[in-house]
Amino acid sequence: MNVKLQNTKVISLENIKIAPIPLSAHVKEAVKHYFSQLNGHDTSGLHAMVISEVEKPLIEAALEYCGQNQTKASKVLGLSRSTLRKKVEQYNLS
């Protein structure tokens, strides 16, 4: 992609590399957003809530990445194949 600004040279953007944002930064931002929506109300069980919200899409994405191959997905996730099968069943992903 080239951008030409008035009275300037053409600037090439092809070689600019943008570092990926770490997953932890996305999680932190989402939790901060969650807290901002509480409007002073108390909350509890945040850890369990975050795990339950993250685990299903994590497994779905890993399965998609691995072409629905549970053996490969279990390796990517660092889970045993039997644990992955239980979670696939738990979240109705089959």
C-alpha atoms as a PDB file:
ATOM      1  CA  MET A   1       0.000   0.000   0.000  1.00  0.00           C
ATOM      2  CA  ASN A   2       1.385   3.388  -0.949  1.00  0.00           C
ATOM      3  CA  VAL A   3       0.253   6.676   0.509  1.00  0.00           C
ATOM      4  CA  LYS A   4       0.925  10.010  -1.158  1.00  0.00           C
ATOM      5  CA  LEU A   5       0.449  13.054   0.955  1.00  0.00           C
ATOM      6  CA  GLN A   6       0.175  16.532  -0.531  1.00  0.00           C
ATOM      7  CA  ASN A   7       3.642  17.964  -1.324  1.00  0.00           C
ATOM      8  CA  THR A   8       5.402  14.824  -0.089  1.00  0.00           C
ATOM      9  CA  LYS A   9       6.983  11.716  -1.497  1.00  0.00           C
ATOM     10  CA  VAL A  10       5.270   8.348  -1.822  1.00  0.00           C
ATOM     11  CA  ILE A  11       5.601   6.342   1.392  1.00  0.00           C
ATOM     12  CA  SER A  12       5.661   2.563   1.166  1.00  0.00           C
ATOM     13  CA  LEU A  13       3.945   0.725   4.039  1.00  0.00           C
ATOM     14  CA  GLU A  14       4.732  -2.825   2.854  1.00  0.00           C
ATOM     15  CA  ASN A  15       7.825  -3.242   5.020  1.00  0.00           C
ATOM     16  CA  ILE A  16       6.351  -1.927   8.252  1.00  0.00           C
ATOM     17  CA  LYS A  17       5.933  -4.731  10.765  1.00  0.00           C
ATOM     18  CA  ILE A  18       3.444  -4.442  13.580  1.00  0.00           C
ATOM     19  CA  ALA A  19       4.061  -6.645  16.605  1.00  0.00           C
ATOM     20  CA  PRO A  20       1.048  -8.733  17.598  1.00  0.00           C
ATOM     21  CA  ILE A  21      -0.708  -7.679  20.767  1.00  0.00           C
ATOM     22  CA  PRO A  22      -0.264 -10.369  23.446  1.00  0.00           C
ATOM     23  CA  LEU A  23      -3.380 -12.314  24.391  1.00  0.00           C
ATOM     24  CA  SER A  24      -2.861 -11.255  28.004  1.00  0.00           C
ATOM     25  CA  ALA A  25      -3.271  -7.612  26.990  1.00  0.00           C
ATOM     26  CA  HIS A  26      -6.605  -8.406  25.327  1.00  0.00           C
ATOM     27  CA  VAL A  27      -7.786 -10.242  28.445  1.00  0.00           C
ATOM     28  CA  LYS A  28      -6.703  -7.400  30.728  1.00  0.00           C
ATOM     29  CA  GLU A  29      -8.510  -4.865  28.566  1.00  0.00           C
ATOM     30  CA  ALA A  30     -11.689  -6.982  28.504  1.00  0.00           C
ATOM     31  CA  VAL A  31     -11.637  -7.374  32.305  1.00  0.00           C
ATOM     32  CA  LYS A  32     -11.079  -3.631  32.766  1.00  0.00           C
ATOM     33  CA  HIS A  33     -14.043  -3.014  30.467  1.00  0.00           C
ATOM     34  CA  TYR A  34     -16.129  -5.475  32.510  1.00  0.00           C
ATOM     35  CA  PHE A  35     -15.218  -3.635  35.730  1.00  0.00           C
ATOM     36  CA  SER A  36     -16.108  -0.281  34.173  1.00  0.00           C
ATOM     37  CA  GLN A  37     -19.609  -1.589  33.384  1.00  0.00           C
ATOM     38  CA  LEU A  38     -20.278  -2.656  36.973  1.00  0.00           C
ATOM     39  CA  ASN A  39     -21.057   0.930  37.985  1.00  0.00           C
ATOM     40  CA  GLY A  40     -19.993   0.291  41.576  1.00  0.00           C
ATOM     41  CA  HIS A  41     -21.841  -3.025  41.941  1.00  0.00           C
ATOM     42  CA  ASP A  42     -20.030  -5.883  43.627  1.00  0.00           C
ATOM     43  CA  THR A  43     -18.968  -8.960  41.712  1.00  0.00           C
ATOM     44  CA  SER A  44     -17.599 -12.350  42.665  1.00  0.00           C
ATOM     45  CA  GLY A  45     -16.466 -15.526  40.959  1.00  0.00           C
ATOM     46  CA  LEU A  46     -14.587 -13.580  38.302  1.00  0.00           C
ATOM     47  CA  HIS A  47     -11.944 -16.261  37.779  1.00  0.00           C
ATOM     48  CA  ALA A  48     -14.496 -18.999  37.071  1.00  0.00           C
ATOM     49  CA  MET A  49     -16.472 -16.637  34.835  1.00  0.00           C
ATOM     50  CA  VAL A  50     -13.424 -15.705  32.749  1.00  0.00           C
ATOM     51  CA  ILE A  51     -12.335 -19.342  32.392  1.00  0.00           C
ATOM     52  CA  SER A  52     -15.811 -20.396  31.278  1.00  0.00           C
ATOM     53  CA  GLU A  53     -16.006 -17.506  28.797  1.00  0.00           C
ATOM     54  CA  VAL A  54     -12.554 -18.192  27.336  1.00  0.00           C
ATOM     55  CA  GLU A  55     -12.339 -21.996  27.296  1.00  0.00           C
ATOM     56  CA  LYS A  56     -15.065 -22.740  24.738  1.00  0.00           C
ATOM     57  CA  PRO A  57     -13.875 -20.280  22.054  1.00  0.00           C
ATOM     58  CA  LEU A  58     -10.277 -21.367  22.727  1.00  0.00           C
ATOM     59  CA  ILE A  59     -11.173 -24.988  22.011  1.00  0.00           C
ATOM     60  CA  GLU A  60     -13.288 -24.001  18.987  1.00  0.00           C
ATOM     61  CA  ALA A  61     -10.411 -21.971  17.522  1.00  0.00           C
ATOM     62  CA  ALA A  62      -7.888 -24.763  18.121  1.00  0.00           C
ATOM     63  CA  LEU A  63     -10.164 -27.313  16.467  1.00  0.00           C
ATOM     64  CA  GLU A  64     -10.691 -25.024  13.467  1.00  0.00           C
ATOM     65  CA  TYR A  65      -6.936 -24.423  13.227  1.00  0.00           C
ATOM     66  CA  CYS A  66      -6.327 -28.186  13.264  1.00  0.00           C
ATOM     67  CA  GLY A  67      -9.068 -29.024  10.760  1.00  0.00           C
ATOM     68  CA  GLN A  68     -11.231 -30.603  13.498  1.00  0.00           C
ATOM     69  CA  ASN A  69      -8.455 -33.125  14.234  1.00  0.00           C
ATOM     70  CA  GLN A  70      -8.755 -33.672  17.989  1.00  0.00           C
ATOM     71  CA  THR A  71      -5.334 -35.316  18.298  1.00  0.00           C
ATOM     72  CA  LYS A  72      -3.623 -32.268  16.784  1.00  0.00           C
ATOM     73  CA  ALA A  73      -5.834 -29.835  18.714  1.00  0.00           C
ATOM     74  CA  SER A  74      -5.083 -31.570  22.005  1.00  0.00           C
ATOM     75  CA  LYS A  75      -1.368 -31.162  21.300  1.00  0.00           C
ATOM     76  CA  VAL A  76      -1.808 -27.481  20.385  1.00  0.00           C
ATOM     77  CA  LEU A  77      -3.807 -26.893  23.580  1.00  0.00           C
ATOM     78  CA  GLY A  78      -1.524 -28.965  25.790  1.00  0.00           C
ATOM     79  CA  LEU A  79      -4.383 -31.216  26.875  1.00  0.00           C
ATOM     80  CA  SER A  80      -4.714 -34.971  26.759  1.00  0.00           C
ATOM     81  CA  ARG A  81      -6.950 -36.243  23.991  1.00  0.00           C
ATOM     82  CA  SER A  82      -9.421 -37.621  26.539  1.00  0.00           C
ATOM     83  CA  THR A  83      -9.633 -34.255  28.331  1.00  0.00           C
ATOM     84  CA  LEU A  84     -10.238 -32.499  25.024  1.00  0.00           C
ATOM     85  CA  ARG A  85     -12.960 -35.018  24.126  1.00  0.00           C
ATOM     86  CA  LYS A  86     -14.683 -34.350  27.482  1.00  0.00           C
ATOM     87  CA  LYS A  87     -14.553 -30.615  26.902  1.00  0.00           C
ATOM     88  CA  VAL A  88     -15.833 -30.977  23.327  1.00  0.00           C
ATOM     89  CA  GLU A  89     -18.778 -32.913  24.718  1.00  0.00           C
ATOM     90  CA  GLN A  90     -19.223 -30.470  27.642  1.00  0.00           C
ATOM     91  CA  TYR A  91     -19.455 -27.498  25.266  1.00  0.00           C
ATOM     92  CA  ASN A  92     -21.446 -29.360  22.573  1.00  0.00           C
ATOM     93  CA  LEU A  93     -18.741 -28.815  19.963  1.00  0.00           C
ATOM     94  CA  SER A  94     -18.982 -32.168  18.186  1.00  0.00           C
END
